[in-house]
Amino acid sequence: MGGLTVNLETLEFVIYPDGRVKETVTGIVGRSCQEVTAAIEAELGVVLTQQTTSEFFAQTSPLNQSVQQSQTLSSWPGGS
């Protein structure tokens, strides 16, 4: 296959006997992990602590990049 890279996004939950829940998010770059987990956290209850990883502070690379294209048009004998 070509240069296709797929990043796996993972949410892992550990539920302790005392009711605490540890949530670990991997594969999501930047602050978008907060958007992904907000609804789940709202249902689970109050977030007591939050520990960010290097992925949280990483910059996302743009999916759409501008490409400049130049064309050279020449006159051809049958054109006007």
Protein backbone atom coordinates (compact mmCIF):
# COMPACT_ATOMS: atom_id res chain seq x y z
CA MET A 1 0.00 0.00 0.00
CA GLY A 2 1.03 3.61 -0.44
CA GLY A 3 1.86 6.14 2.22
CA LEU A 4 -1.54 6.00 3.92
CA THR A 5 -1.25 6.39 7.68
CA VAL A 6 -4.19 5.74 9.98
CA ASN A 7 -4.04 6.90 13.58
CA LEU A 8 -5.94 4.78 16.04
CA GLU A 9 -7.97 6.79 18.56
CA THR A 10 -8.46 4.95 21.84
CA LEU A 11 -10.45 5.71 24.99
CA GLU A 12 -9.65 3.41 27.90
CA PHE A 13 -11.63 3.35 31.15
CA VAL A 14 -10.55 1.74 34.41
CA ILE A 15 -13.28 1.50 37.05
CA TYR A 16 -11.94 1.08 40.58
CA PRO A 17 -13.82 -0.70 43.40
CA ASP A 18 -14.39 2.63 45.19
CA GLY A 19 -16.21 4.01 42.13
CA ARG A 20 -13.43 6.16 40.72
CA VAL A 21 -13.00 6.03 36.95
CA LYS A 22 -9.68 6.59 35.22
CA GLU A 23 -9.99 7.63 31.60
CA THR A 24 -7.01 7.51 29.23
CA VAL A 25 -7.21 8.98 25.72
CA THR A 26 -4.59 8.20 23.08
CA GLY A 27 -4.31 8.94 19.40
CA ILE A 28 -6.10 12.30 19.51
CA VAL A 29 -3.85 15.29 18.96
CA GLY A 30 -4.51 18.68 20.52
CA ARG A 31 -7.46 19.91 22.52
CA SER A 32 -9.99 17.95 20.47
CA CYS A 33 -9.70 15.13 23.03
CA GLN A 34 -11.74 17.32 25.39
CA GLU A 35 -14.53 17.52 22.81
CA VAL A 36 -14.49 13.74 22.39
CA THR A 37 -14.68 13.02 26.11
CA ALA A 38 -16.96 15.86 27.29
CA ALA A 39 -20.25 13.94 26.98
CA ILE A 40 -18.84 10.86 28.69
CA GLU A 41 -17.36 12.89 31.53
CA ALA A 42 -20.68 14.70 32.02
CA GLU A 43 -22.40 11.35 32.55
CA LEU A 44 -19.68 9.95 34.82
CA GLY A 45 -19.68 12.86 37.25
CA VAL A 46 -17.18 15.40 38.53
CA VAL A 47 -13.65 15.31 37.12
CA LEU A 48 -11.32 15.40 40.12
CA THR A 49 -7.98 15.56 38.32
CA GLN A 50 -6.77 15.83 34.76
CA GLN A 51 -3.30 14.99 33.50
CA THR A 52 -2.42 16.04 29.97
CA THR A 53 0.07 14.23 27.74
CA SER A 54 2.39 15.45 25.01
CA GLU A 55 -0.35 14.65 22.46
CA PHE A 56 -2.51 17.35 24.07
CA PHE A 57 0.12 20.01 23.34
CA ALA A 58 1.03 18.73 19.87
CA GLN A 59 0.00 20.71 16.82
CA THR A 60 -2.41 19.10 14.41
CA SER A 61 -1.21 18.98 10.83
CA PRO A 62 -3.66 20.46 8.36
CA LEU A 63 -5.58 17.90 6.35
CA ASN A 64 -6.15 20.28 3.49
CA GLN A 65 -3.10 21.99 2.10
CA SER A 66 -3.17 24.67 -0.53
CA VAL A 67 -1.36 23.78 -3.70
CA GLN A 68 -0.36 26.37 -6.24
CA GLN A 69 -0.61 25.31 -9.82
CA SER A 70 0.59 27.21 -12.83
CA GLN A 71 -0.33 26.53 -16.41
CA THR A 72 1.32 27.66 -19.57
CA LEU A 73 -1.12 28.15 -22.39
CA SER A 74 0.18 28.34 -25.89
CA SER A 75 -1.49 29.35 -29.08
CA TRP A 76 -2.22 26.50 -31.32
CA PRO A 77 -2.99 26.83 -35.02
CA GLY A 78 -6.78 26.26 -35.13
CA GLY A 79 -7.53 28.36 -32.07
CA SER A 80 -8.95 31.86 -32.17
